[in-house]
N, C-alpha and C. Protein backbone atom coordinates (compact mmCIF):
# COMPACT_ATOMS: atom_id res chain seq x y z
N UNK A 1 48.16 27.62 -63.22
CA UNK A 1 48.46 26.92 -62.09
C UNK A 1 47.16 26.76 -61.13
N UNK A 2 46.55 28.41 -61.31
CA UNK A 2 45.35 28.37 -59.99
C UNK A 2 44.24 27.13 -60.63
N UNK A 3 44.09 27.80 -62.26
CA UNK A 3 42.88 27.03 -63.16
C UNK A 3 42.86 24.74 -63.06
N UNK A 4 44.21 24.73 -62.85
CA UNK A 4 44.52 23.44 -62.43
C UNK A 4 44.64 23.05 -60.88
N UNK A 5 44.82 23.87 -60.24
CA UNK A 5 44.32 23.57 -58.88
C UNK A 5 42.94 23.68 -58.73
N UNK A 6 42.09 24.44 -59.14
CA UNK A 6 40.62 24.55 -59.05
C UNK A 6 40.06 23.47 -59.77
N UNK A 7 40.75 23.19 -60.95
CA UNK A 7 39.94 21.65 -61.90
C UNK A 7 40.10 20.41 -60.45
N UNK A 8 41.75 20.12 -60.20
CA UNK A 8 41.77 18.96 -59.03
C UNK A 8 40.91 19.27 -58.13
N UNK A 9 40.66 20.40 -57.70
CA UNK A 9 39.45 20.33 -56.73
C UNK A 9 38.17 20.15 -57.09
N UNK A 10 38.12 20.21 -58.18
CA UNK A 10 36.66 20.29 -58.52
C UNK A 10 36.42 18.57 -58.39
N UNK A 11 37.34 17.83 -59.24
CA UNK A 11 36.97 16.38 -59.35
C UNK A 11 37.12 15.94 -58.45
N UNK A 12 38.01 15.72 -57.27
CA UNK A 12 38.26 15.45 -55.63
C UNK A 12 36.86 16.09 -55.21
N UNK A 13 36.32 16.81 -55.49
CA UNK A 13 34.45 17.12 -54.80
C UNK A 13 33.73 15.93 -55.79
N UNK A 14 33.63 16.35 -56.76
CA UNK A 14 32.65 14.97 -57.79
C UNK A 14 32.98 13.85 -57.39
N UNK A 15 34.06 13.49 -56.79
CA UNK A 15 34.07 11.83 -56.86
C UNK A 15 34.07 11.46 -55.45
N UNK A 16 34.02 12.51 -54.15
CA UNK A 16 33.58 11.95 -53.25
C UNK A 16 32.24 12.04 -52.77
N UNK A 17 31.51 12.59 -53.59
CA UNK A 17 30.05 12.83 -53.34
C UNK A 17 29.44 11.38 -52.99
N UNK A 18 29.61 10.56 -53.84
CA UNK A 18 29.03 9.14 -53.81
C UNK A 18 29.41 8.46 -52.19
N UNK A 19 30.10 8.24 -52.18
CA UNK A 19 30.46 8.07 -50.64
C UNK A 19 30.01 8.31 -49.74
N UNK A 20 29.73 9.75 -49.50
CA UNK A 20 28.74 10.15 -48.59
C UNK A 20 27.12 9.47 -48.28
N UNK A 21 26.99 9.36 -49.91
CA UNK A 21 25.40 8.80 -49.81
C UNK A 21 25.20 7.57 -49.78
N UNK A 22 26.40 6.63 -49.47
CA UNK A 22 26.30 5.38 -49.24
C UNK A 22 25.16 4.53 -48.47
N UNK A 23 25.87 5.20 -47.44
CA UNK A 23 24.99 4.08 -45.88
C UNK A 23 24.04 4.44 -45.75
N UNK A 24 22.57 4.02 -46.62
CA UNK A 24 21.58 4.73 -46.77
C UNK A 24 21.04 3.35 -46.23
N UNK A 25 20.11 3.18 -45.46
CA UNK A 25 19.44 2.31 -45.14
C UNK A 25 17.74 2.01 -45.40
N UNK A 26 17.35 3.30 -46.54
CA UNK A 26 16.40 3.53 -46.99
C UNK A 26 15.72 1.97 -48.51
N UNK A 27 16.59 1.56 -48.63
CA UNK A 27 16.06 0.57 -49.04
C UNK A 27 15.74 -0.62 -49.08
N UNK A 28 15.75 -0.73 -47.41
CA UNK A 28 15.46 -1.73 -46.44
C UNK A 28 14.29 -1.72 -45.78
N UNK A 29 13.52 -2.34 -45.58
CA UNK A 29 11.92 -2.28 -44.71
C UNK A 29 12.19 -2.78 -43.17
N UNK A 30 12.46 -1.65 -42.16
CA UNK A 30 13.19 -2.05 -40.91
C UNK A 30 11.89 -2.34 -40.13
N UNK A 31 10.62 -1.85 -40.95
CA UNK A 31 9.19 -2.27 -39.97
C UNK A 31 9.21 -3.83 -40.08
N UNK A 32 9.52 -4.31 -40.43
CA UNK A 32 9.44 -6.01 -40.87
C UNK A 32 10.92 -6.80 -40.47
N UNK A 33 10.36 -7.87 -40.32
CA UNK A 33 11.28 -9.11 -40.19
C UNK A 33 10.81 -10.00 -40.26
N UNK A 34 12.20 -10.72 -41.82
CA UNK A 34 11.91 -11.83 -42.15
C UNK A 34 12.58 -12.90 -41.74
N UNK A 35 12.01 -14.32 -42.00
CA UNK A 35 12.58 -15.52 -41.58
C UNK A 35 13.23 -16.49 -42.27
N UNK A 36 14.34 -16.56 -43.00
CA UNK A 36 14.43 -17.68 -44.00
C UNK A 36 15.43 -18.65 -43.82
N UNK A 37 15.03 -19.79 -44.17
CA UNK A 37 15.71 -21.30 -43.82
C UNK A 37 16.13 -21.45 -44.84
N UNK A 38 17.57 -21.97 -45.42
CA UNK A 38 18.01 -22.11 -46.27
C UNK A 38 19.14 -22.70 -46.23
N UNK A 39 20.22 -22.95 -47.77
CA UNK A 39 21.20 -23.64 -47.25
C UNK A 39 22.22 -22.63 -48.18
N UNK A 40 23.45 -22.04 -47.73
CA UNK A 40 24.30 -20.97 -48.19
C UNK A 40 24.72 -21.36 -49.35
N UNK A 41 24.74 -20.62 -50.49
CA UNK A 41 25.47 -21.17 -51.38
C UNK A 41 27.00 -20.26 -51.69
N UNK A 42 26.82 -19.10 -51.18
CA UNK A 42 27.86 -18.07 -51.23
C UNK A 42 28.15 -17.44 -50.36
N UNK A 43 29.36 -17.28 -49.52
CA UNK A 43 29.84 -16.30 -48.24
C UNK A 43 30.54 -15.47 -49.08
N UNK A 44 30.48 -13.68 -49.40
CA UNK A 44 30.85 -13.08 -49.90
C UNK A 44 31.38 -12.11 -49.31
N UNK A 45 33.00 -12.13 -48.46
CA UNK A 45 33.58 -11.32 -47.92
C UNK A 45 34.01 -10.46 -48.48
N UNK A 46 33.69 -9.01 -49.12
CA UNK A 46 33.70 -8.23 -49.93
C UNK A 46 33.93 -6.69 -49.25
N UNK A 47 34.15 -5.89 -49.58
CA UNK A 47 34.11 -4.28 -49.45
C UNK A 47 32.91 -4.00 -50.72
N UNK A 48 32.41 -2.79 -50.06
CA UNK A 48 32.37 -2.20 -48.93
C UNK A 48 30.88 -3.41 -48.15
N UNK A 49 30.71 -3.96 -48.37
CA UNK A 49 29.67 -4.98 -47.59
C UNK A 49 29.85 -6.50 -47.82
N UNK A 50 30.18 -7.14 -47.26
CA UNK A 50 29.97 -8.47 -47.39
C UNK A 50 28.15 -9.10 -47.82
N UNK A 51 28.42 -10.13 -48.33
CA UNK A 51 26.87 -10.53 -48.40
C UNK A 51 26.89 -12.25 -48.31
N UNK A 52 26.15 -12.34 -47.72
CA UNK A 52 25.51 -13.95 -47.77
C UNK A 52 24.42 -14.44 -49.22
N UNK A 53 24.76 -15.30 -50.02
CA UNK A 53 24.18 -16.19 -50.72
C UNK A 53 23.20 -17.05 -50.31
N UNK A 54 21.97 -16.76 -50.62
CA UNK A 54 20.91 -18.12 -49.63
C UNK A 54 20.14 -18.75 -50.90
N UNK A 55 20.03 -20.21 -50.88
CA UNK A 55 19.00 -20.75 -51.76
C UNK A 55 17.75 -21.13 -50.48
N UNK A 56 16.53 -20.44 -50.90
CA UNK A 56 15.55 -20.91 -50.00
C UNK A 56 14.33 -21.45 -50.77
N UNK A 57 13.58 -22.75 -50.13
CA UNK A 57 13.04 -23.23 -50.75
C UNK A 57 11.28 -22.97 -50.57
N UNK A 58 10.47 -22.39 -51.51
CA UNK A 58 9.22 -21.65 -51.06
C UNK A 58 8.59 -21.98 -52.18
N UNK A 59 7.25 -22.40 -51.70
CA UNK A 59 6.53 -22.99 -52.76
C UNK A 59 6.85 -23.69 -53.55
N UNK A 60 7.43 -25.30 -52.89
CA UNK A 60 7.49 -25.83 -54.04
C UNK A 60 9.04 -25.47 -55.02
N UNK A 61 10.10 -24.33 -55.03
CA UNK A 61 10.86 -24.19 -55.28
C UNK A 61 11.68 -23.32 -54.94
N UNK A 62 12.70 -23.51 -56.01
CA UNK A 62 14.34 -22.84 -55.06
C UNK A 62 14.30 -21.74 -54.86
N UNK A 63 13.85 -20.25 -54.04
CA UNK A 63 14.09 -19.00 -54.36
C UNK A 63 16.02 -18.38 -54.03
N UNK A 64 16.34 -17.81 -54.98
CA UNK A 64 17.88 -17.02 -54.62
C UNK A 64 17.67 -15.74 -53.77
N UNK A 65 18.56 -15.88 -52.29
CA UNK A 65 18.51 -14.44 -52.15
C UNK A 65 19.70 -14.12 -51.70
N UNK A 66 19.71 -13.00 -52.09
CA UNK A 66 21.14 -11.81 -51.45
C UNK A 66 20.59 -11.34 -49.92
N UNK A 67 21.82 -11.62 -49.22
CA UNK A 67 21.50 -10.68 -48.14
C UNK A 67 22.97 -9.78 -48.05
N UNK A 68 22.62 -8.46 -47.61
CA UNK A 68 23.70 -7.36 -47.29
C UNK A 68 24.09 -7.38 -45.74
N UNK A 69 25.28 -7.76 -45.47
CA UNK A 69 26.10 -7.65 -44.54
C UNK A 69 26.55 -6.88 -44.25
N UNK A 70 27.26 -5.94 -42.71
CA UNK A 70 28.58 -4.76 -42.85
C UNK A 70 29.83 -4.93 -44.00
N UNK A 71 30.44 -4.07 -43.22
CA UNK A 71 31.79 -4.80 -44.07
C UNK A 71 32.36 -5.25 -42.92
N UNK A 72 33.70 -6.12 -43.94
CA UNK A 72 34.27 -7.40 -43.45
C UNK A 72 35.32 -6.66 -42.07
N UNK A 73 35.62 -5.85 -42.26
CA UNK A 73 36.27 -4.47 -41.19
C UNK A 73 35.22 -4.69 -39.76
N UNK A 74 34.54 -4.33 -39.76
CA UNK A 74 33.09 -4.11 -38.66
C UNK A 74 32.69 -5.61 -38.32
N UNK A 75 32.31 -6.97 -39.23
CA UNK A 75 32.28 -8.28 -38.86
C UNK A 75 33.50 -8.67 -38.47
N UNK A 76 34.78 -8.16 -39.02
CA UNK A 76 35.84 -9.32 -37.82
C UNK A 76 35.68 -8.60 -36.51
N UNK A 77 35.88 -7.37 -36.52
CA UNK A 77 35.56 -7.10 -34.88
C UNK A 77 34.35 -7.70 -33.98
N UNK A 78 33.31 -8.18 -35.04
CA UNK A 78 32.28 -8.85 -34.22
C UNK A 78 32.71 -10.59 -34.03
N UNK A 79 33.72 -10.82 -34.52
CA UNK A 79 33.95 -12.09 -34.03
C UNK A 79 33.81 -12.94 -35.68
N UNK A 80 33.47 -12.37 -36.31
CA UNK A 80 33.06 -13.19 -38.09
C UNK A 80 34.69 -13.23 -38.39
N UNK A 81 34.99 -14.22 -39.38
CA UNK A 81 35.65 -14.67 -40.17
C UNK A 81 35.62 -15.04 -41.51
N UNK A 82 36.88 -14.59 -42.32
CA UNK A 82 36.10 -15.43 -43.57
C UNK A 82 35.04 -16.52 -44.14
N UNK A 83 36.05 -17.43 -43.29
CA UNK A 83 35.59 -18.85 -43.30
C UNK A 83 34.35 -19.02 -42.42
N UNK A 84 34.04 -17.99 -41.61
CA UNK A 84 32.33 -18.42 -40.81
C UNK A 84 31.33 -18.95 -41.27
N UNK A 85 31.29 -18.27 -42.87
CA UNK A 85 29.93 -19.49 -43.65
C UNK A 85 30.58 -20.19 -44.54
N UNK A 86 30.20 -21.46 -44.79
CA UNK A 86 30.94 -22.01 -46.00
C UNK A 86 29.17 -22.51 -47.19
N UNK A 87 29.81 -22.82 -48.22
CA UNK A 87 28.28 -23.11 -48.94
C UNK A 87 28.26 -24.36 -48.57
N UNK A 88 26.80 -24.70 -48.64
CA UNK A 88 26.70 -25.85 -48.29
C UNK A 88 26.06 -26.45 -46.65
N UNK A 89 25.97 -25.11 -45.76
CA UNK A 89 25.33 -25.00 -44.63
C UNK A 89 24.35 -24.55 -44.62
N UNK A 90 23.47 -25.02 -43.69
CA UNK A 90 21.91 -24.94 -43.41
C UNK A 90 21.63 -23.78 -41.99
N UNK A 91 21.24 -22.73 -42.64
CA UNK A 91 20.97 -21.93 -41.47
C UNK A 91 19.49 -21.39 -41.79
N UNK A 92 19.45 -20.79 -40.67
CA UNK A 92 18.32 -20.01 -40.33
C UNK A 92 18.90 -18.40 -39.94
N UNK A 93 18.02 -17.63 -40.70
CA UNK A 93 18.49 -16.64 -40.89
C UNK A 93 17.35 -15.53 -40.76
N UNK A 94 17.19 -14.42 -39.85
CA UNK A 94 16.56 -13.45 -39.70
C UNK A 94 17.42 -12.34 -40.73
N UNK A 95 16.23 -11.23 -41.32
CA UNK A 95 16.94 -10.36 -41.62
C UNK A 95 15.21 -9.21 -42.05
N UNK A 96 15.79 -7.90 -42.31
CA UNK A 96 14.99 -7.02 -42.82
C UNK A 96 14.73 -6.81 -44.57
N UNK A 97 13.74 -7.31 -45.10
CA UNK A 97 13.44 -7.21 -46.88
C UNK A 97 13.60 -5.87 -47.13
N UNK A 98 14.06 -5.97 -48.40
CA UNK A 98 14.23 -4.96 -49.63
C UNK A 98 12.49 -3.93 -49.78
N UNK A 99 12.66 -3.29 -50.05
CA UNK A 99 11.34 -2.65 -50.07
C UNK A 99 10.56 -2.90 -51.09
N UNK A 100 11.49 -3.04 -52.32
CA UNK A 100 10.68 -3.78 -53.53
C UNK A 100 10.18 -4.97 -54.19
N UNK A 101 10.44 -5.83 -52.90
CA UNK A 101 10.03 -6.91 -53.23
C UNK A 101 11.39 -8.00 -53.80
N UNK A 102 12.21 -7.48 -54.29
CA UNK A 102 13.43 -8.19 -54.56
C UNK A 102 13.49 -9.23 -53.61
N UNK A 103 14.20 -10.52 -53.79
CA UNK A 103 14.63 -11.51 -53.06
C UNK A 103 16.08 -10.67 -52.55
N UNK A 104 16.24 -10.24 -51.38
CA UNK A 104 17.25 -9.56 -50.67
C UNK A 104 16.77 -8.85 -49.34
N UNK A 105 18.22 -8.58 -48.71
CA UNK A 105 18.08 -7.74 -47.44
C UNK A 105 18.35 -7.66 -46.93
N UNK A 106 18.20 -6.71 -45.80
CA UNK A 106 19.45 -6.59 -44.58
C UNK A 106 19.39 -7.43 -43.45
N UNK A 107 20.80 -8.25 -43.26
CA UNK A 107 21.37 -8.91 -42.25
C UNK A 107 21.10 -8.67 -41.08
N UNK A 108 20.35 -9.47 -40.08
CA UNK A 108 20.37 -9.10 -38.34
C UNK A 108 21.26 -10.07 -37.87
N UNK A 109 20.47 -11.72 -37.87
CA UNK A 109 21.28 -12.74 -37.31
C UNK A 109 21.11 -14.02 -37.76
N UNK A 110 21.95 -15.14 -37.33
CA UNK A 110 21.21 -16.40 -37.92
C UNK A 110 21.66 -17.63 -37.25
N UNK A 111 21.02 -18.39 -37.39
CA UNK A 111 21.74 -19.55 -36.87
C UNK A 111 22.03 -20.89 -37.29
N UNK A 112 23.13 -21.10 -36.97
CA UNK A 112 23.71 -22.56 -37.79
C UNK A 112 23.35 -23.50 -37.30
N UNK A 113 23.09 -24.89 -38.22
CA UNK A 113 23.24 -26.48 -37.65
C UNK A 113 23.41 -26.89 -36.58
N UNK A 114 24.60 -26.20 -36.56
CA UNK A 114 25.45 -26.55 -34.96
C UNK A 114 24.89 -25.94 -33.79
N UNK A 115 24.23 -24.97 -33.76
CA UNK A 115 23.36 -24.01 -32.82
C UNK A 115 24.42 -22.60 -32.52
N UNK A 116 25.56 -22.63 -33.65
CA UNK A 116 26.36 -21.63 -33.46
C UNK A 116 25.35 -20.31 -34.01
N UNK A 117 25.57 -19.37 -33.42
CA UNK A 117 24.44 -17.79 -33.42
C UNK A 117 26.23 -16.85 -34.37
N UNK A 118 25.22 -16.08 -35.82
CA UNK A 118 26.51 -15.15 -36.38
C UNK A 118 25.19 -13.95 -36.23
N UNK A 119 25.90 -12.86 -35.36
CA UNK A 119 24.84 -11.73 -35.26
C UNK A 119 25.48 -10.83 -36.08
N UNK A 120 24.69 -9.47 -36.48
CA UNK A 120 25.24 -8.67 -36.91
C UNK A 120 25.69 -7.14 -36.23
N UNK A 121 24.60 -7.37 -35.06
CA UNK A 121 24.82 -5.84 -34.35
C UNK A 121 24.03 -5.17 -34.04
N UNK A 122 23.07 -5.40 -35.44
CA UNK A 122 21.98 -4.45 -34.80
C UNK A 122 20.64 -4.75 -34.30
N UNK A 123 19.32 -4.31 -34.12
CA UNK A 123 18.47 -4.97 -32.63
C UNK A 123 18.19 -6.25 -33.30
N UNK A 124 18.03 -6.91 -32.43
CA UNK A 124 17.48 -8.17 -33.04
C UNK A 124 15.91 -8.02 -32.73
N UNK A 125 15.11 -6.97 -32.12
CA UNK A 125 13.95 -6.74 -31.63
C UNK A 125 13.52 -6.10 -32.66
N UNK A 126 13.73 -5.62 -33.79
CA UNK A 126 12.99 -4.91 -35.14
C UNK A 126 13.17 -3.46 -35.12
N UNK A 127 14.12 -3.23 -33.82
CA UNK A 127 14.34 -1.98 -33.83
C UNK A 127 14.65 -1.16 -35.07
N UNK A 128 14.40 -0.05 -36.17
CA UNK A 128 14.78 0.56 -36.91
C UNK A 128 16.25 1.27 -36.60
N UNK A 129 17.09 0.89 -37.68
CA UNK A 129 18.20 1.75 -37.53
C UNK A 129 18.01 3.09 -38.84
N UNK A 130 18.75 4.29 -38.40
CA UNK A 130 18.20 5.45 -39.04
C UNK A 130 17.46 5.47 -39.91
N UNK A 131 15.83 5.15 -38.95
CA UNK A 131 14.69 5.92 -40.00
C UNK A 131 14.06 6.62 -39.49
N UNK A 132 13.50 8.06 -39.62
CA UNK A 132 12.38 9.02 -38.96
C UNK A 132 11.97 8.07 -38.11
N UNK A 133 11.36 8.93 -37.47
CA UNK A 133 9.51 8.52 -36.57
C UNK A 133 8.81 9.53 -36.99
N UNK A 134 8.08 7.92 -37.52
CA UNK A 134 6.91 8.28 -38.40
C UNK A 134 5.85 8.69 -37.45
């Protein structure tokens, strides 16, 4: 019986390790803010993070960007809904890009064609979150 309890504890401990490391902002360059103007192709209202998929005209071609947001639970508290963005909407979006140069980033805020703003709750002035002072 004691072995079974220890085995279950070990399994529970092993499975919980990934969750504690999940919320790092290290992959984003929070010292840089980019502005993208493009068309929403999809708004993914998914856990653990929502995503805005965006097609952006750049240098004569269309580049697809994937922008990470907070969880739907937190976004709902900020006034967001599953229907806050629709495919085909034109937006101007501000974000912190990925450090590795891929077309993605951390959402800050956006403005829709009708002037509606959607916000992340993160500082708009580019103040980094969870980044040690260097």
